[in-house]
Amino acid sequence: QVRLVESGGGLVQAGGSLRLSCAASGRTFLTYFMGWFRQAPGKEREFVATINWSGSTTSYADSVKGRFTISRDNAKNTVYLQMNSLKPEDTAVYYCAADPDARSAFPRDYDYWGQGTQVTVSP
């Protein structure tokens, strides 16, 4: 089994920054594709960013491109989401996801999920 635990969420003013962390269990993290997704109240879970096993390939939603950076440290079994220039519309619960073979921006393609961390951006 894979366990994912997010941390780093909080309250920040618009224009500020936060860095989210996702700690993953198991040596298989070395080969897992990882993603960040978010969900605001009353809305569907949406893609934010993904990263492949080596960290060489990343993808971003248009809404966060240029502001967010996904990265991973396989030695620490951790994936990060650096969020800069935050906007009120970024407010959501942010989820870390993992899958052994996904190359996808769709939540349905990921098998493992964390419990989420709240990010609130005040105007």
PDB file of N, CA and C in Angstrom:
ATOM      1  N   GLN A   1       0.826  -1.177   0.000  1.00  0.00           N
ATOM      2  CA  GLN A   1       0.000   0.000   0.000  1.00  0.00           C
ATOM      3  C   GLN A   1       0.876   1.249   0.000  1.00  0.00           C
ATOM      4  N   VAL A   2       0.324   2.304  -0.562  1.00  0.00           N
ATOM      5  CA  VAL A   2       0.997   3.588  -0.608  1.00  0.00           C
ATOM      6  C   VAL A   2       0.239   4.566   0.274  1.00  0.00           C
ATOM      7  N   ARG A   3       0.957   5.220   1.141  1.00  0.00           N
ATOM      8  CA  ARG A   3       0.372   6.252   1.986  1.00  0.00           C
ATOM      9  C   ARG A   3       0.926   7.609   1.586  1.00  0.00           C
ATOM     10  N   LEU A   4       0.040   8.571   1.478  1.00  0.00           N
ATOM     11  CA  LEU A   4       0.413   9.927   1.120  1.00  0.00           C
ATOM     12  C   LEU A   4      -0.113  10.885   2.178  1.00  0.00           C
ATOM     13  N   VAL A   5       0.748  11.762   2.650  1.00  0.00           N
ATOM     14  CA  VAL A   5       0.368  12.726   3.669  1.00  0.00           C
ATOM     15  C   VAL A   5       0.816  14.111   3.230  1.00  0.00           C
ATOM     16  N   GLU A   6      -0.156  15.000   3.023  1.00  0.00           N
ATOM     17  CA  GLU A   6       0.141  16.365   2.617  1.00  0.00           C
ATOM     18  C   GLU A   6       0.363  17.256   3.836  1.00  0.00           C
ATOM     19  N   SER A   7       1.145  18.293   3.638  1.00  0.00           N
ATOM     20  CA  SER A   7       1.348  19.301   4.665  1.00  0.00           C
ATOM     21  C   SER A   7       1.750  20.609   4.000  1.00  0.00           C
ATOM     22  N   GLY A   8       1.718  21.679   4.760  1.00  0.00           N
ATOM     23  CA  GLY A   8       2.174  22.965   4.270  1.00  0.00           C
ATOM     24  C   GLY A   8       1.086  23.951   3.902  1.00  0.00           C
ATOM     25  N   GLY A   9      -0.162  23.525   3.972  1.00  0.00           N
ATOM     26  CA  GLY A   9      -1.255  24.435   3.675  1.00  0.00           C
ATOM     27  C   GLY A   9      -1.419  25.481   4.757  1.00  0.00           C
ATOM     28  N   GLY A  10      -2.218  26.482   4.459  1.00  0.00           N
ATOM     29  CA  GLY A  10      -2.455  27.536   5.418  1.00  0.00           C
ATOM     30  C   GLY A  10      -3.135  28.726   4.794  1.00  0.00           C
ATOM     31  N   LEU A  11      -3.094  29.821   5.507  1.00  0.00           N
ATOM     32  CA  LEU A  11      -3.705  31.069   5.077  1.00  0.00           C
ATOM     33  C   LEU A  11      -2.628  32.029   4.610  1.00  0.00           C
ATOM     34  N   VAL A  12      -2.838  32.611   3.446  1.00  0.00           N
ATOM     35  CA  VAL A  12      -1.869  33.549   2.892  1.00  0.00           C
ATOM     36  C   VAL A  12      -2.614  34.635   2.129  1.00  0.00           C
ATOM     37  N   GLN A  13      -2.049  35.815   2.093  1.00  0.00           N
ATOM     38  CA  GLN A  13      -2.642  36.903   1.324  1.00  0.00           C
ATOM     39  C   GLN A  13      -2.339  36.742  -0.156  1.00  0.00           C
ATOM     40  N   ALA A  14      -3.207  37.297  -0.971  1.00  0.00           N
ATOM     41  CA  ALA A  14      -2.984  37.276  -2.414  1.00  0.00           C
ATOM     42  C   ALA A  14      -1.606  37.836  -2.743  1.00  0.00           C
ATOM     43  N   GLY A  15      -0.928  37.147  -3.645  1.00  0.00           N
ATOM     44  CA  GLY A  15       0.424  37.524  -4.011  1.00  0.00           C
ATOM     45  C   GLY A  15       1.492  36.812  -3.217  1.00  0.00           C
ATOM     46  N   GLY A  16       1.095  36.127  -2.166  1.00  0.00           N
ATOM     47  CA  GLY A  16       2.034  35.413  -1.327  1.00  0.00           C
ATOM     48  C   GLY A  16       2.369  34.039  -1.862  1.00  0.00           C
ATOM     49  N   SER A  17       3.131  33.290  -1.066  1.00  0.00           N
ATOM     50  CA  SER A  17       3.616  31.984  -1.483  1.00  0.00           C
ATOM     51  C   SER A  17       3.424  30.949  -0.395  1.00  0.00           C
ATOM     52  N   LEU A  18       3.272  29.711  -0.821  1.00  0.00           N
ATOM     53  CA  LEU A  18       3.250  28.555   0.058  1.00  0.00           C
ATOM     54  C   LEU A  18       3.957  27.407  -0.634  1.00  0.00           C
ATOM     55  N   ARG A  19       4.524  26.510   0.146  1.00  0.00           N
ATOM     56  CA  ARG A  19       5.074  25.284  -0.394  1.00  0.00           C
ATOM     57  C   ARG A  19       4.408  24.097   0.268  1.00  0.00           C
ATOM     58  N   LEU A  20       3.755  23.290  -0.531  1.00  0.00           N
ATOM     59  CA  LEU A  20       3.119  22.083  -0.049  1.00  0.00           C
ATOM     60  C   LEU A  20       4.075  20.908  -0.174  1.00  0.00           C
ATOM     61  N   SER A  21       3.971  19.990   0.767  1.00  0.00           N
ATOM     62  CA  SER A  21       4.773  18.780   0.738  1.00  0.00           C
ATOM     63  C   SER A  21       3.856  17.569   0.782  1.00  0.00           C
ATOM     64  N   CYS A  22       4.284  16.511   0.148  1.00  0.00           N
ATOM     65  CA  CYS A  22       3.568  15.245   0.168  1.00  0.00           C
ATOM     66  C   CYS A  22       4.573  14.151   0.466  1.00  0.00           C
ATOM     67  N   ALA A  23       4.454  13.574   1.639  1.00  0.00           N
ATOM     68  CA  ALA A  23       5.332  12.488   2.044  1.00  0.00           C
ATOM     69  C   ALA A  23       4.695  11.155   1.671  1.00  0.00           C
ATOM     70  N   ALA A  24       5.434  10.337   0.947  1.00  0.00           N
ATOM     71  CA  ALA A  24       4.932   9.063   0.454  1.00  0.00           C
ATOM     72  C   ALA A  24       5.678   7.903   1.087  1.00  0.00           C
ATOM     73  N   SER A  25       4.971   6.808   1.260  1.00  0.00           N
ATOM     74  CA  SER A  25       5.570   5.607   1.812  1.00  0.00           C
ATOM     75  C   SER A  25       6.051   4.682   0.706  1.00  0.00           C
ATOM     76  N   GLY A  26       6.982   3.811   1.050  1.00  0.00           N
ATOM     77  CA  GLY A  26       7.389   2.751   0.155  1.00  0.00           C
ATOM     78  C   GLY A  26       8.502   3.113  -0.805  1.00  0.00           C
ATOM     79  N   ARG A  27       9.332   2.136  -1.088  1.00  0.00           N
ATOM     80  CA  ARG A  27      10.425   2.336  -2.034  1.00  0.00           C
ATOM     81  C   ARG A  27       9.926   2.523  -3.459  1.00  0.00           C
ATOM     82  N   THR A  28       8.703   2.066  -3.734  1.00  0.00           N
ATOM     83  CA  THR A  28       8.152   2.193  -5.065  1.00  0.00           C
ATOM     84  C   THR A  28       7.887   3.632  -5.475  1.00  0.00           C
ATOM     85  N   PHE A  29       7.955   4.554  -4.523  1.00  0.00           N
ATOM     86  CA  PHE A  29       7.831   5.961  -4.856  1.00  0.00           C
ATOM     87  C   PHE A  29       8.836   6.372  -5.924  1.00  0.00           C
ATOM     88  N   LEU A  30       9.939   5.694  -5.976  1.00  0.00           N
ATOM     89  CA  LEU A  30      10.974   6.025  -6.945  1.00  0.00           C
ATOM     90  C   LEU A  30      10.475   5.962  -8.382  1.00  0.00           C
ATOM     91  N   THR A  31       9.481   5.134  -8.646  1.00  0.00           N
ATOM     92  CA  THR A  31       8.985   4.955 -10.006  1.00  0.00           C
ATOM     93  C   THR A  31       7.547   5.426 -10.197  1.00  0.00           C
ATOM     94  N   TYR A  32       6.955   6.025  -9.199  1.00  0.00           N
ATOM     95  CA  TYR A  32       5.568   6.461  -9.297  1.00  0.00           C
ATOM     96  C   TYR A  32       5.451   7.821  -9.970  1.00  0.00           C
ATOM     97  N   PHE A  33       4.425   7.957 -10.767  1.00  0.00           N
ATOM     98  CA  PHE A  33       4.015   9.265 -11.252  1.00  0.00           C
ATOM     99  C   PHE A  33       3.213   9.949 -10.157  1.00  0.00           C
ATOM    100  N   MET A  34       3.445  11.231  -9.996  1.00  0.00           N
ATOM    101  CA  MET A  34       2.817  11.983  -8.918  1.00  0.00           C
ATOM    102  C   MET A  34       2.050  13.171  -9.483  1.00  0.00           C
ATOM    103  N   GLY A  35       1.016  13.527  -8.771  1.00  0.00           N
ATOM    104  CA  GLY A  35       0.232  14.672  -9.189  1.00  0.00           C
ATOM    105  C   GLY A  35      -0.302  15.468  -8.012  1.00  0.00           C
ATOM    106  N   TRP A  36      -0.584  16.717  -8.278  1.00  0.00           N
ATOM    107  CA  TRP A  36      -1.305  17.573  -7.345  1.00  0.00           C
ATOM    108  C   TRP A  36      -2.642  17.945  -7.976  1.00  0.00           C
ATOM    109  N   PHE A  37      -3.681  17.828  -7.183  1.00  0.00           N
ATOM    110  CA  PHE A  37      -5.024  18.199  -7.588  1.00  0.00           C
ATOM    111  C   PHE A  37      -5.624  19.075  -6.504  1.00  0.00           C
ATOM    112  N   ARG A  38      -6.676  19.777  -6.839  1.00  0.00           N
ATOM    113  CA  ARG A  38      -7.322  20.611  -5.844  1.00  0.00           C
ATOM    114  C   ARG A  38      -8.833  20.577  -6.031  1.00  0.00           C
ATOM    115  N   GLN A  39      -9.519  20.871  -4.941  1.00  0.00           N
ATOM    116  CA  GLN A  39     -10.970  20.859  -4.974  1.00  0.00           C
ATOM    117  C   GLN A  39     -11.510  21.958  -4.075  1.00  0.00           C
ATOM    118  N   ALA A  40     -12.266  22.853  -4.663  1.00  0.00           N
ATOM    119  CA  ALA A  40     -12.932  23.911  -3.933  1.00  0.00           C
ATOM    120  C   ALA A  40     -14.333  23.446  -3.565  1.00  0.00           C
ATOM    121  N   PRO A  41     -14.933  24.021  -2.527  1.00  0.00           N
ATOM    122  CA  PRO A  41     -16.279  23.618  -2.130  1.00  0.00           C
ATOM    123  C   PRO A  41     -17.278  23.723  -3.271  1.00  0.00           C
ATOM    124  N   GLY A  42     -18.035  22.659  -3.475  1.00  0.00           N
ATOM    125  CA  GLY A  42     -19.047  22.644  -4.513  1.00  0.00           C
ATOM    126  C   GLY A  42     -18.526  22.430  -5.915  1.00  0.00           C
ATOM    127  N   LYS A  43     -17.229  22.206  -6.066  1.00  0.00           N
ATOM    128  CA  LYS A  43     -16.645  22.009  -7.381  1.00  0.00           C
ATOM    129  C   LYS A  43     -15.970  20.647  -7.482  1.00  0.00           C
ATOM    130  N   GLU A  44     -15.744  20.219  -8.705  1.00  0.00           N
ATOM    131  CA  GLU A  44     -15.072  18.950  -8.939  1.00  0.00           C
ATOM    132  C   GLU A  44     -13.574  19.083  -8.710  1.00  0.00           C
ATOM    133  N   ARG A  45     -12.966  17.962  -8.391  1.00  0.00           N
ATOM    134  CA  ARG A  45     -11.525  17.941  -8.234  1.00  0.00           C
ATOM    135  C   ARG A  45     -10.854  18.208  -9.578  1.00  0.00           C
ATOM    136  N   GLU A  46      -9.857  19.076  -9.571  1.00  0.00           N
ATOM    137  CA  GLU A  46      -9.229  19.464 -10.817  1.00  0.00           C
ATOM    138  C   GLU A  46      -7.713  19.299 -10.767  1.00  0.00           C
ATOM    139  N   PHE A  47      -7.166  19.079 -11.920  1.00  0.00           N
ATOM    140  CA  PHE A  47      -5.734  18.910 -12.114  1.00  0.00           C
ATOM    141  C   PHE A  47      -4.989  20.204 -11.833  1.00  0.00           C
ATOM    142  N   VAL A  48      -3.853  20.081 -11.164  1.00  0.00           N
ATOM    143  CA  VAL A  48      -2.967  21.208 -10.924  1.00  0.00           C
ATOM    144  C   VAL A  48      -1.617  20.990 -11.604  1.00  0.00           C
ATOM    145  N   ALA A  49      -0.967  19.873 -11.286  1.00  0.00           N
ATOM    146  CA  ALA A  49       0.356  19.606 -11.834  1.00  0.00           C
ATOM    147  C   ALA A  49       0.682  18.131 -11.700  1.00  0.00           C
ATOM    148  N   THR A  50       1.553  17.631 -12.575  1.00  0.00           N
ATOM    149  CA  THR A  50       2.046  16.263 -12.490  1.00  0.00           C
ATOM    150  C   THR A  50       3.548  16.242 -12.727  1.00  0.00           C
ATOM    151  N   ILE A  51       4.165  15.153 -12.292  1.00  0.00           N
ATOM    152  CA  ILE A  51       5.598  14.975 -12.476  1.00  0.00           C
ATOM    153  C   ILE A  51       5.889  13.492 -12.644  1.00  0.00           C
ATOM    154  N   ASN A  52       6.802  13.168 -13.551  1.00  0.00           N
ATOM    155  CA  ASN A  52       7.125  11.772 -13.783  1.00  0.00           C
ATOM    156  C   ASN A  52       8.113  11.258 -12.744  1.00  0.00           C
ATOM    157  N   TRP A  53       8.500   9.996 -12.886  1.00  0.00           N
ATOM    158  CA  TRP A  53       9.298   9.347 -11.845  1.00  0.00           C
ATOM    159  C   TRP A  53      10.668   9.986 -11.641  1.00  0.00           C
ATOM    160  N   SER A  54      11.253  10.493 -12.699  1.00  0.00           N
ATOM    161  CA  SER A  54      12.589  11.073 -12.607  1.00  0.00           C
ATOM    162  C   SER A  54      12.568  12.568 -12.323  1.00  0.00           C
ATOM    163  N   GLY A  55      11.412  13.180 -12.474  1.00  0.00           N
ATOM    164  CA  GLY A  55      11.312  14.618 -12.330  1.00  0.00           C
ATOM    165  C   GLY A  55      11.672  15.385 -13.583  1.00  0.00           C
ATOM    166  N   SER A  56      11.949  14.678 -14.661  1.00  0.00           N
ATOM    167  CA  SER A  56      12.379  15.325 -15.889  1.00  0.00           C
ATOM    168  C   SER A  56      11.230  15.934 -16.683  1.00  0.00           C
ATOM    169  N   THR A  57      10.019  15.462 -16.435  1.00  0.00           N
ATOM    170  CA  THR A  57       8.863  15.942 -17.175  1.00  0.00           C
ATOM    171  C   THR A  57       7.787  16.407 -16.210  1.00  0.00           C
ATOM    172  N   THR A  58       7.333  17.615 -16.406  1.00  0.00           N
ATOM    173  CA  THR A  58       6.263  18.167 -15.584  1.00  0.00           C
ATOM    174  C   THR A  58       5.169  18.730 -16.471  1.00  0.00           C
ATOM    175  N   SER A  59       3.989  18.835 -15.920  1.00  0.00           N
ATOM    176  CA  SER A  59       2.886  19.454 -16.625  1.00  0.00           C
ATOM    177  C   SER A  59       2.065  20.270 -15.637  1.00  0.00           C
ATOM    178  N   TYR A  60       1.399  21.298 -16.161  1.00  0.00           N
ATOM    179  CA  TYR A  60       0.656  22.213 -15.318  1.00  0.00           C
ATOM    180  C   TYR A  60      -0.655  22.606 -15.965  1.00  0.00           C
ATOM    181  N   ALA A  61      -1.631  22.837 -15.119  1.00  0.00           N
ATOM    182  CA  ALA A  61      -2.859  23.441 -15.601  1.00  0.00           C
ATOM    183  C   ALA A  61      -2.565  24.869 -16.050  1.00  0.00           C
ATOM    184  N   ASP A  62      -3.295  25.306 -17.058  1.00  0.00           N
ATOM    185  CA  ASP A  62      -3.079  26.657 -17.561  1.00  0.00           C
ATOM    186  C   ASP A  62      -3.264  27.715 -16.472  1.00  0.00           C
ATOM    187  N   SER A  63      -4.142  27.441 -15.538  1.00  0.00           N
ATOM    188  CA  SER A  63      -4.454  28.404 -14.502  1.00  0.00           C
ATOM    189  C   SER A  63      -3.308  28.640 -13.524  1.00  0.00           C
ATOM    190  N   VAL A  64      -2.358  27.705 -13.456  1.00  0.00           N
ATOM    191  CA  VAL A  64      -1.255  27.834 -12.508  1.00  0.00           C
ATOM    192  C   VAL A  64       0.102  27.933 -13.186  1.00  0.00           C
ATOM    193  N   LYS A  65       0.142  27.762 -14.483  1.00  0.00           N
ATOM    194  CA  LYS A  65       1.398  27.775 -15.218  1.00  0.00           C
ATOM    195  C   LYS A  65       2.124  29.101 -15.016  1.00  0.00           C
ATOM    196  N   GLY A  66       3.399  29.006 -14.701  1.00  0.00           N
ATOM    197  CA  GLY A  66       4.196  30.187 -14.446  1.00  0.00           C
ATOM    198  C   GLY A  66       4.190  30.637 -13.005  1.00  0.00           C
ATOM    199  N   ARG A  67       3.279  30.099 -12.211  1.00  0.00           N
ATOM    200  CA  ARG A  67       3.186  30.455 -10.796  1.00  0.00           C
ATOM    201  C   ARG A  67       3.527  29.297  -9.868  1.00  0.00           C
ATOM    202  N   PHE A  68       3.166  28.086 -10.276  1.00  0.00           N
ATOM    203  CA  PHE A  68       3.391  26.898  -9.452  1.00  0.00           C
ATOM    204  C   PHE A  68       4.516  26.065 -10.043  1.00  0.00           C
ATOM    205  N   THR A  69       5.240  25.383  -9.169  1.00  0.00           N
ATOM    206  CA  THR A  69       6.304  24.479  -9.590  1.00  0.00           C
ATOM    207  C   THR A  69       6.204  23.174  -8.818  1.00  0.00           C
ATOM    208  N   ILE A  70       6.110  22.068  -9.535  1.00  0.00           N
ATOM    209  CA  ILE A  70       6.103  20.757  -8.909  1.00  0.00           C
ATOM    210  C   ILE A  70       7.509  20.169  -8.979  1.00  0.00           C
ATOM    211  N   SER A  71       7.915  19.500  -7.923  1.00  0.00           N
ATOM    212  CA  SER A  71       9.220  18.865  -7.886  1.00  0.00           C
ATOM    213  C   SER A  71       9.155  17.650  -6.975  1.00  0.00           C
ATOM    214  N   ARG A  72      10.192  16.828  -7.027  1.00  0.00           N
ATOM    215  CA  ARG A  72      10.222  15.661  -6.154  1.00  0.00           C
ATOM    216  C   ARG A  72      11.642  15.371  -5.708  1.00  0.00           C
ATOM    217  N   ASP A  73      11.740  14.805  -4.534  1.00  0.00           N
ATOM    218  CA  ASP A  73      13.007  14.359  -3.980  1.00  0.00           C
ATOM    219  C   ASP A  73      12.822  12.892  -3.631  1.00  0.00           C
ATOM    220  N   ASN A  74      13.251  12.023  -4.519  1.00  0.00           N
ATOM    221  CA  ASN A  74      13.013  10.600  -4.334  1.00  0.00           C
ATOM    222  C   ASN A  74      13.760  10.032  -3.124  1.00  0.00           C
ATOM    223  N   ALA A  75      14.886  10.619  -2.791  1.00  0.00           N
ATOM    224  CA  ALA A  75      15.622  10.170  -1.614  1.00  0.00           C
ATOM    225  C   ALA A  75      14.828  10.404  -0.339  1.00  0.00           C
ATOM    226  N   LYS A  76      13.967  11.399  -0.359  1.00  0.00           N
ATOM    227  CA  LYS A  76      13.132  11.719   0.795  1.00  0.00           C
ATOM    228  C   LYS A  76      11.696  11.238   0.635  1.00  0.00           C
ATOM    229  N   ASN A  77      11.406  10.578  -0.482  1.00  0.00           N
ATOM    230  CA  ASN A  77      10.048  10.113  -0.765  1.00  0.00           C
ATOM    231  C   ASN A  77       9.031  11.249  -0.641  1.00  0.00           C
ATOM    232  N   THR A  78       9.378  12.377  -1.217  1.00  0.00           N
ATOM    233  CA  THR A  78       8.557  13.566  -1.053  1.00  0.00           C
ATOM    234  C   THR A  78       8.387  14.300  -2.375  1.00  0.00           C
ATOM    235  N   VAL A  79       7.184  14.777  -2.613  1.00  0.00           N
ATOM    236  CA  VAL A  79       6.899  15.637  -3.746  1.00  0.00           C
ATOM    237  C   VAL A  79       6.447  16.988  -3.208  1.00  0.00           C
ATOM    238  N   TYR A  80       6.791  18.040  -3.922  1.00  0.00           N
ATOM    239  CA  TYR A  80       6.508  19.393  -3.473  1.00  0.00           C
ATOM    240  C   TYR A  80       5.685  20.149  -4.509  1.00  0.00           C
ATOM    241  N   LEU A  81       4.975  21.127  -4.022  1.00  0.00           N
ATOM    242  CA  LEU A  81       4.311  22.083  -4.893  1.00  0.00           C
ATOM    243  C   LEU A  81       4.600  23.475  -4.364  1.00  0.00           C
ATOM    244  N   GLN A  82       5.479  24.173  -5.052  1.00  0.00           N
ATOM    245  CA  GLN A  82       5.776  25.555  -4.710  1.00  0.00           C
ATOM    246  C   GLN A  82       4.756  26.451  -5.397  1.00  0.00           C
ATOM    247  N   MET A  83       4.054  27.238  -4.624  1.00  0.00           N
ATOM    248  CA  MET A  83       2.995  28.083  -5.140  1.00  0.00           C
ATOM    249  C   MET A  83       3.349  29.541  -4.886  1.00  0.00           C
ATOM    250  N   ASN A  84       3.532  30.277  -5.950  1.00  0.00           N
ATOM    251  CA  ASN A  84       3.849  31.696  -5.870  1.00  0.00           C
ATOM    252  C   ASN A  84       2.733  32.520  -6.488  1.00  0.00           C
ATOM    253  N   SER A  85       2.740  33.798  -6.182  1.00  0.00           N
ATOM    254  CA  SER A  85       1.738  34.723  -6.731  1.00  0.00           C
ATOM    255  C   SER A  85       0.332  34.176  -6.563  1.00  0.00           C
ATOM    256  N   LEU A  86       0.031  33.731  -5.377  1.00  0.00           N
ATOM    257  CA  LEU A  86      -1.254  33.098  -5.120  1.00  0.00           C
ATOM    258  C   LEU A  86      -2.413  34.070  -5.291  1.00  0.00           C
ATOM    259  N   LYS A  87      -3.509  33.525  -5.782  1.00  0.00           N
ATOM    260  CA  LYS A  87      -4.721  34.280  -6.029  1.00  0.00           C
ATOM    261  C   LYS A  87      -5.861  33.704  -5.192  1.00  0.00           C
ATOM    262  N   PRO A  88      -6.874  34.503  -4.893  1.00  0.00           N
ATOM    263  CA  PRO A  88      -8.018  33.968  -4.144  1.00  0.00           C
ATOM    264  C   PRO A  88      -8.640  32.745  -4.797  1.00  0.00           C
ATOM    265  N   GLU A  89      -8.630  32.683  -6.117  1.00  0.00           N
ATOM    266  CA  GLU A  89      -9.209  31.544  -6.806  1.00  0.00           C
ATOM    267  C   GLU A  89      -8.388  30.267  -6.658  1.00  0.00           C
ATOM    268  N   ASP A  90      -7.208  30.368  -6.067  1.00  0.00           N
ATOM    269  CA  ASP A  90      -6.419  29.181  -5.752  1.00  0.00           C
ATOM    270  C   ASP A  90      -6.887  28.507  -4.470  1.00  0.00           C
ATOM    271  N   THR A  91      -7.786  29.136  -3.748  1.00  0.00           N
ATOM    272  CA  THR A  91      -8.292  28.579  -2.502  1.00  0.00           C
ATOM    273  C   THR A  91      -8.983  27.244  -2.756  1.00  0.00           C
ATOM    274  N   ALA A  92      -8.527  26.214  -2.060  1.00  0.00           N
ATOM    275  CA  ALA A  92      -9.062  24.872  -2.244  1.00  0.00           C
ATOM    276  C   ALA A  92      -8.357  23.929  -1.282  1.00  0.00           C
ATOM    277  N   VAL A  93      -8.863  22.712  -1.211  1.00  0.00           N
ATOM    278  CA  VAL A  93      -8.122  21.640  -0.577  1.00  0.00           C
ATOM    279  C   VAL A  93      -7.226  21.022  -1.637  1.00  0.00           C
ATOM    280  N   TYR A  94      -5.951  20.928  -1.341  1.00  0.00           N
ATOM    281  CA  TYR A  94      -4.981  20.399  -2.288  1.00  0.00           C
ATOM    282  C   TYR A  94      -4.638  18.960  -1.926  1.00  0.00           C
ATOM    283  N   TYR A  95      -4.707  18.090  -2.924  1.00  0.00           N
ATOM    284  CA  TYR A  95      -4.479  16.671  -2.738  1.00  0.00           C
ATOM    285  C   TYR A  95      -3.257  16.203  -3.519  1.00  0.00           C
ATOM    286  N   CYS A  96      -2.499  15.366  -2.892  1.00  0.00           N
ATOM    287  CA  CYS A  96      -1.404  14.678  -3.537  1.00  0.00           C
ATOM    288  C   CYS A  96      -1.899  13.321  -4.019  1.00  0.00           C
ATOM    289  N   ALA A  97      -1.479  12.913  -5.207  1.00  0.00           N
ATOM    290  CA  ALA A  97      -1.899  11.642  -5.772  1.00  0.00           C
ATOM    291  C   ALA A  97      -0.712  10.910  -6.384  1.00  0.00           C
ATOM    292  N   ALA A  98      -0.810   9.585  -6.408  1.00  0.00           N
ATOM    293  CA  ALA A  98       0.257   8.755  -6.954  1.00  0.00           C
ATOM    294  C   ALA A  98      -0.315   7.584  -7.722  1.00  0.00           C
ATOM    295  N   ASP A  99       0.424   7.156  -8.719  1.00  0.00           N
ATOM    296  CA  ASP A  99       0.043   5.987  -9.502  1.00  0.00           C
ATOM    297  C   ASP A  99       1.282   5.381 -10.131  1.00  0.00           C
ATOM    298  N   PRO A 100       1.333   4.047 -10.210  1.00  0.00           N
ATOM    299  CA  PRO A 100       2.535   3.415 -10.760  1.00  0.00           C
ATOM    300  C   PRO A 100       2.744   3.645 -12.244  1.00  0.00           C
ATOM    301  N   ASP A 101       1.688   3.953 -12.991  1.00  0.00           N
ATOM    302  CA  ASP A 101       1.852   4.067 -14.437  1.00  0.00           C
ATOM    303  C   ASP A 101       1.062   5.187 -15.089  1.00  0.00           C
ATOM    304  N   ALA A 102       0.455   6.050 -14.318  1.00  0.00           N
ATOM    305  CA  ALA A 102      -0.341   7.127 -14.897  1.00  0.00           C
ATOM    306  C   ALA A 102       0.547   8.184 -15.545  1.00  0.00           C
ATOM    307  N   ARG A 103       0.071   8.696 -16.655  1.00  0.00           N
ATOM    308  CA  ARG A 103       0.676   9.852 -17.316  1.00  0.00           C
ATOM    309  C   ARG A 103      -0.467  10.780 -17.671  1.00  0.00           C
ATOM    310  N   SER A 104      -1.190  11.160 -16.645  1.00  0.00           N
ATOM    311  CA  SER A 104      -2.508  11.720 -16.863  1.00  0.00           C
ATOM    312  C   SER A 104      -2.765  12.934 -15.984  1.00  0.00           C
ATOM    313  N   ALA A 105      -3.641  13.793 -16.482  1.00  0.00           N
ATOM    314  CA  ALA A 105      -4.140  14.928 -15.725  1.00  0.00           C
ATOM    315  C   ALA A 105      -5.537  14.657 -15.165  1.00  0.00           C
ATOM    316  N   PHE A 106      -5.993  13.423 -15.273  1.00  0.00           N
ATOM    317  CA  PHE A 106      -7.331  13.073 -14.823  1.00  0.00           C
ATOM    318  C   PHE A 106      -7.271  12.355 -13.484  1.00  0.00           C
ATOM    319  N   PRO A 107      -8.043  12.817 -12.502  1.00  0.00           N
ATOM    320  CA  PRO A 107      -8.028  12.171 -11.185  1.00  0.00           C
ATOM    321  C   PRO A 107      -8.338  10.684 -11.220  1.00  0.00           C
ATOM    322  N   ARG A 108      -9.187  10.255 -12.136  1.00  0.00           N
ATOM    323  CA  ARG A 108      -9.593   8.854 -12.199  1.00  0.00           C
ATOM    324  C   ARG A 108      -8.449   7.914 -12.512  1.00  0.00           C
ATOM    325  N   ASP A 109      -7.350   8.417 -13.017  1.00  0.00           N
ATOM    326  CA  ASP A 109      -6.224   7.582 -13.391  1.00  0.00           C
ATOM    327  C   ASP A 109      -5.226   7.374 -12.261  1.00  0.00           C
ATOM    328  N   TYR A 110      -5.491   7.938 -11.107  1.00  0.00           N
ATOM    329  CA  TYR A 110      -4.596   7.812  -9.966  1.00  0.00           C
ATOM    330  C   TYR A 110      -5.201   6.915  -8.902  1.00  0.00           C
ATOM    331  N   ASP A 111      -4.383   6.006  -8.393  1.00  0.00           N
ATOM    332  CA  ASP A 111      -4.861   4.999  -7.455  1.00  0.00           C
ATOM    333  C   ASP A 111      -4.759   5.419  -5.996  1.00  0.00           C
ATOM    334  N   TYR A 112      -3.814   6.283  -5.680  1.00  0.00           N
ATOM    335  CA  TYR A 112      -3.539   6.607  -4.287  1.00  0.00           C
ATOM    336  C   TYR A 112      -3.652   8.097  -4.043  1.00  0.00           C
ATOM    337  N   TRP A 113      -4.260   8.430  -2.911  1.00  0.00           N
ATOM    338  CA  TRP A 113      -4.534   9.826  -2.580  1.00  0.00           C
ATOM    339  C   TRP A 113      -4.252  10.121  -1.116  1.00  0.00           C
ATOM    340  N   GLY A 114      -3.772  11.334  -0.870  1.00  0.00           N
ATOM    341  CA  GLY A 114      -3.674  11.813   0.485  1.00  0.00           C
ATOM    342  C   GLY A 114      -5.002  12.386   0.942  1.00  0.00           C
ATOM    343  N   GLN A 115      -5.035  12.854   2.183  1.00  0.00           N
ATOM    344  CA  GLN A 115      -6.261  13.398   2.750  1.00  0.00           C
ATOM    345  C   GLN A 115      -6.464  14.872   2.450  1.00  0.00           C
ATOM    346  N   GLY A 116      -5.452  15.518   1.936  1.00  0.00           N
ATOM    347  CA  GLY A 116      -5.578  16.903   1.531  1.00  0.00           C
ATOM    348  C   GLY A 116      -5.091  17.892   2.568  1.00  0.00           C
ATOM    349  N   THR A 117      -4.728  19.069   2.094  1.00  0.00           N
ATOM    350  CA  THR A 117      -4.337  20.168   2.960  1.00  0.00           C
ATOM    351  C   THR A 117      -4.998  21.443   2.453  1.00  0.00           C
ATOM    352  N   GLN A 118      -5.542  22.211   3.366  1.00  0.00           N
ATOM    353  CA  GLN A 118      -6.301  23.404   2.995  1.00  0.00           C
ATOM    354  C   GLN A 118      -5.376  24.562   2.668  1.00  0.00           C
ATOM    355  N   VAL A 119      -5.642  25.196   1.544  1.00  0.00           N
ATOM    356  CA  VAL A 119      -4.964  26.427   1.154  1.00  0.00           C
ATOM    357  C   VAL A 119      -6.018  27.512   1.007  1.00  0.00           C
ATOM    358  N   THR A 120      -5.850  28.582   1.745  1.00  0.00           N
ATOM    359  CA  THR A 120      -6.783  29.696   1.689  1.00  0.00           C
ATOM    360  C   THR A 120      -6.023  30.967   1.356  1.00  0.00           C
ATOM    361  N   VAL A 121      -6.451  31.635   0.302  1.00  0.00           N
ATOM    362  CA  VAL A 121      -5.806  32.863  -0.148  1.00  0.00           C
ATOM    363  C   VAL A 121      -6.793  34.007   0.025  1.00  0.00           C
ATOM    364  N   SER A 122      -6.447  34.950   0.857  1.00  0.00           N
ATOM    365  CA  SER A 122      -7.316  36.088   1.107  1.00  0.00           C
ATOM    366  C   SER A 122      -7.045  37.187   0.096  1.00  0.00           C
ATOM    367  N   PRO A 123      -8.080  37.936  -0.279  1.00  0.00           N
ATOM    368  CA  PRO A 123      -7.897  38.988  -1.274  1.00  0.00           C
ATOM    369  C   PRO A 123      -7.117  40.175  -0.734  1.00  0.00           C
TER     370      PRO A 123
END
